[in-house]
Amino acid sequence: LVSTWYNILGAFHKSRPDLAQRCLQCMQNYIEWIDITLVTTEQWVNLLFYLLGVDLLREEACDCLFEIVTKRMENPSPKLKLLQRLNICYVLPSMIKVLVAEIEQEREDYSEEQFGLKMARLSMNVGNELLDVIEKAEGHANQNTATPETRQHAHALAEEALRLLDGSLPWLCSLFGVPHTAVSTGMLDFITPYVAKL
């Protein structure tokens, strides 16, 4: 099934964007429960980020990335590895820069605003997932039954997540400059717990 999705998107994203849209919409319904490694290979990640730049498909691609980023994981280690594998903290800044530039040029049609909302939601949840990794890792480190090795590993996870989060803060905050209230106010859901964490 995953191979079929990939083949459809690769073959038809230009000639049949309507078919590619439906394919991405179908993916969104499966990501929650399939093995996440199936859609986070280097080929898949590159394809989804590429589709973020295709006007007719970027909203659906953004939704798929959102489902991947928010995939429920109880253990903080695989979640951090997932975010690192996506390389999303290094790719999203350039996408946000383009989005803000487009809006500043007054390309304020409905599609533009919807994409802005989806990008804000994705970005906000990257931050929230990193905060969750830190909280869970610190919780593991503070357990009475934790061994010294467990504590050391948990502290290392928390430090790496915090490093990624601190590095992401400038581009996350740039979304406050987007002149759409729903986009900028949506970021408060991330900023509030981040400030509380400080």
Protein backbone atom coordinates (compact mmCIF):
# COMPACT_ATOMS: atom_id res chain seq x y z
CA LEU A 1 0.00 0.00 0.00
CA VAL A 2 2.76 2.45 0.97
CA SER A 3 4.65 1.66 -2.23
CA THR A 4 1.47 2.30 -4.22
CA TRP A 5 1.07 5.72 -2.60
CA TYR A 6 4.66 6.59 -3.42
CA ASN A 7 4.31 5.48 -7.04
CA ILE A 8 1.07 7.43 -7.51
CA LEU A 9 2.53 10.62 -6.07
CA GLY A 10 5.73 10.29 -8.05
CA ALA A 11 3.94 9.59 -11.32
CA PHE A 12 0.93 11.90 -11.11
CA HIS A 13 1.76 14.93 -8.92
CA LYS A 14 2.14 17.04 -12.08
CA SER A 15 -0.20 15.45 -14.62
CA ARG A 16 -3.06 14.48 -12.25
CA PRO A 17 -2.83 16.64 -9.12
CA ASP A 18 -6.42 15.72 -8.27
CA LEU A 19 -5.40 12.05 -8.02
CA ALA A 20 -2.31 12.96 -6.01
CA GLN A 21 -4.49 15.01 -3.64
CA ARG A 22 -6.75 12.04 -2.96
CA CYS A 23 -3.70 9.84 -2.44
CA LEU A 24 -2.31 12.21 0.21
CA GLN A 25 -5.73 12.45 1.86
CA CYS A 26 -5.87 8.66 2.02
CA MET A 27 -2.40 8.57 3.59
CA GLN A 28 -3.51 10.88 6.39
CA ASN A 29 -6.03 8.27 7.56
CA TYR A 30 -3.42 5.52 7.75
CA ILE A 31 -0.39 7.25 9.26
CA GLU A 32 -1.81 7.11 12.79
CA TRP A 33 -1.69 3.31 12.96
CA ILE A 34 0.83 2.03 10.38
CA ASP A 35 4.51 1.46 11.13
CA ILE A 36 5.81 5.04 10.96
CA THR A 37 9.15 3.96 9.50
CA LEU A 38 7.33 3.05 6.27
CA VAL A 39 6.64 6.72 5.49
CA THR A 40 9.75 8.29 7.02
CA THR A 41 12.40 6.83 4.77
CA GLU A 42 14.71 9.30 3.08
CA GLN A 43 12.75 8.92 -0.17
CA TRP A 44 9.41 9.61 1.53
CA VAL A 45 10.68 12.58 3.51
CA ASN A 46 12.22 14.14 0.40
CA LEU A 47 8.98 13.61 -1.53
CA LEU A 48 6.75 15.15 1.13
CA PHE A 49 8.99 18.18 1.50
CA TYR A 50 9.06 18.54 -2.28
CA LEU A 51 5.26 18.46 -2.40
CA LEU A 52 5.17 21.29 0.13
CA GLY A 53 6.37 23.43 -2.76
CA VAL A 54 3.63 22.29 -5.17
CA ASP A 55 0.73 24.76 -4.94
CA LEU A 56 -2.04 22.23 -5.58
CA LEU A 57 -0.66 19.64 -3.16
CA ARG A 58 1.08 21.56 -0.41
CA GLU A 59 -1.86 21.61 2.00
CA GLU A 60 -2.29 17.83 1.82
CA ALA A 61 1.48 17.28 2.12
CA CYS A 62 1.50 19.55 5.17
CA ASP A 63 -1.34 17.52 6.69
CA CYS A 64 0.61 14.28 6.16
CA LEU A 65 3.68 15.76 7.84
CA PHE A 66 1.47 16.89 10.71
CA GLU A 67 0.18 13.33 11.18
CA ILE A 68 3.75 12.00 11.14
CA VAL A 69 5.04 14.59 13.63
CA THR A 70 2.14 14.01 16.04
CA LYS A 71 2.26 10.20 15.79
CA ARG A 72 1.58 9.02 19.33
CA MET A 73 4.62 7.52 21.07
CA GLU A 74 4.86 6.91 24.80
CA ASN A 75 8.64 6.62 24.82
CA PRO A 76 10.54 9.88 24.21
CA SER A 77 13.51 8.20 22.52
CA PRO A 78 11.75 7.02 19.32
CA LYS A 79 9.87 10.33 19.11
CA LEU A 80 13.10 12.31 19.15
CA LYS A 81 14.62 9.94 16.60
CA LEU A 82 11.56 10.45 14.40
CA LEU A 83 11.89 14.24 14.50
CA GLN A 84 15.60 13.96 13.79
CA ARG A 85 14.99 11.55 10.90
CA LEU A 86 12.52 13.99 9.38
CA ASN A 87 15.15 16.75 9.65
CA ILE A 88 12.11 18.96 10.04
CA CYS A 89 13.74 21.53 12.32
CA TYR A 90 16.14 22.36 9.48
CA VAL A 91 13.71 22.21 6.55
CA LEU A 92 10.75 24.14 7.98
CA PRO A 93 12.61 27.45 8.46
CA SER A 94 13.04 27.91 4.70
CA MET A 95 9.39 27.01 4.13
CA ILE A 96 8.26 29.51 6.77
CA LYS A 97 10.45 32.19 5.19
CA VAL A 98 8.81 31.61 1.79
CA LEU A 99 5.34 31.62 3.34
CA VAL A 100 5.90 34.90 5.17
CA ALA A 101 7.37 36.47 2.03
CA GLU A 102 4.36 35.40 -0.06
CA ILE A 103 1.91 36.82 2.44
CA GLU A 104 3.87 40.07 2.66
CA GLN A 105 3.46 40.35 -1.11
CA GLU A 106 -0.29 40.39 -0.42
CA ARG A 107 -1.04 37.02 -1.95
CA GLU A 108 -3.89 36.74 0.55
CA ASP A 109 -6.32 34.46 -1.24
CA TYR A 110 -8.19 31.74 0.64
CA SER A 111 -5.72 28.99 -0.28
CA GLU A 112 -2.81 31.06 0.98
CA GLU A 113 -4.43 31.59 4.34
CA GLN A 114 -5.36 27.93 4.65
CA PHE A 115 -1.79 26.88 3.91
CA GLY A 116 -0.55 29.41 6.44
CA LEU A 117 -2.83 27.91 9.06
CA LYS A 118 -1.65 24.39 8.28
CA MET A 119 2.03 25.41 8.36
CA ALA A 120 1.48 27.17 11.68
CA ARG A 121 -0.21 24.06 13.08
CA LEU A 122 2.65 21.84 11.86
CA SER A 123 5.32 24.20 13.22
CA MET A 124 3.57 24.62 16.56
CA ASN A 125 3.32 20.87 17.00
CA VAL A 126 6.99 20.33 16.18
CA GLY A 127 7.66 22.60 19.15
CA ASN A 128 5.06 20.86 21.30
CA GLU A 129 6.43 17.41 20.50
CA LEU A 130 9.94 18.53 21.48
CA LEU A 131 8.53 19.90 24.74
CA ASP A 132 6.83 16.54 25.32
CA VAL A 133 10.10 14.69 24.73
CA ILE A 134 11.79 16.89 27.35
CA GLU A 135 8.99 16.37 29.87
CA LYS A 136 8.89 12.59 29.43
CA ALA A 137 12.68 12.25 29.48
CA GLU A 138 12.91 14.29 32.68
CA GLY A 139 10.14 12.15 34.15
CA HIS A 140 12.12 8.99 33.42
CA ALA A 141 15.26 10.52 34.92
CA ASN A 142 13.45 11.45 38.13
CA GLN A 143 11.92 8.03 38.76
CA ASN A 144 13.08 6.47 42.03
CA THR A 145 13.72 3.16 40.26
CA ALA A 146 15.83 4.71 37.49
CA THR A 147 19.36 3.36 37.20
CA PRO A 148 22.33 5.72 36.67
CA GLU A 149 22.44 4.62 33.02
CA THR A 150 18.72 5.34 32.60
CA ARG A 151 19.13 8.79 34.13
CA GLN A 152 22.11 9.57 31.94
CA HIS A 153 20.25 8.50 28.80
CA ALA A 154 17.14 10.47 29.78
CA HIS A 155 19.15 13.62 30.49
CA ALA A 156 20.88 13.27 27.11
CA LEU A 157 17.50 12.99 25.38
CA ALA A 158 16.18 16.06 27.17
CA GLU A 159 19.30 18.08 26.34
CA GLU A 160 19.15 17.18 22.65
CA ALA A 161 15.43 18.00 22.43
CA LEU A 162 16.05 21.32 24.17
CA ARG A 163 18.89 22.09 21.76
CA LEU A 164 16.60 21.49 18.79
CA LEU A 165 13.83 23.50 20.43
CA ASP A 166 16.06 26.48 21.21
CA GLY A 167 17.36 26.42 17.64
CA SER A 168 13.80 26.37 16.30
CA LEU A 169 12.52 29.26 18.38
CA PRO A 170 13.50 32.10 15.96
CA TRP A 171 11.64 30.65 12.99
CA LEU A 172 8.72 29.55 15.12
CA CYS A 173 8.34 33.07 16.48
CA SER A 174 8.52 34.51 12.96
CA LEU A 175 4.98 33.19 12.49
CA PHE A 176 3.79 35.91 14.84
CA GLY A 177 4.57 38.29 11.99
CA VAL A 178 2.05 36.65 9.69
CA PRO A 179 -0.84 39.14 9.34
CA HIS A 180 -3.53 36.51 9.88
CA THR A 181 -4.87 36.39 13.40
CA ALA A 182 -5.61 32.67 13.29
CA VAL A 183 -1.99 31.92 12.33
CA SER A 184 -0.27 34.12 14.88
CA THR A 185 -2.61 33.36 17.78
CA GLY A 186 -2.33 29.64 17.09
CA MET A 187 1.34 29.87 18.02
CA LEU A 188 0.37 30.84 21.57
CA ASP A 189 -0.47 27.18 22.18
CA PHE A 190 3.24 26.49 21.81
CA ILE A 191 4.76 29.62 23.32
CA THR A 192 2.77 29.40 26.58
CA PRO A 193 4.10 25.98 27.70
CA TYR A 194 7.57 26.86 26.34
CA VAL A 195 7.79 29.97 28.53
CA ALA A 196 6.45 27.98 31.47
CA LYS A 197 9.24 25.46 30.88
CA LEU A 198 11.83 28.22 31.19
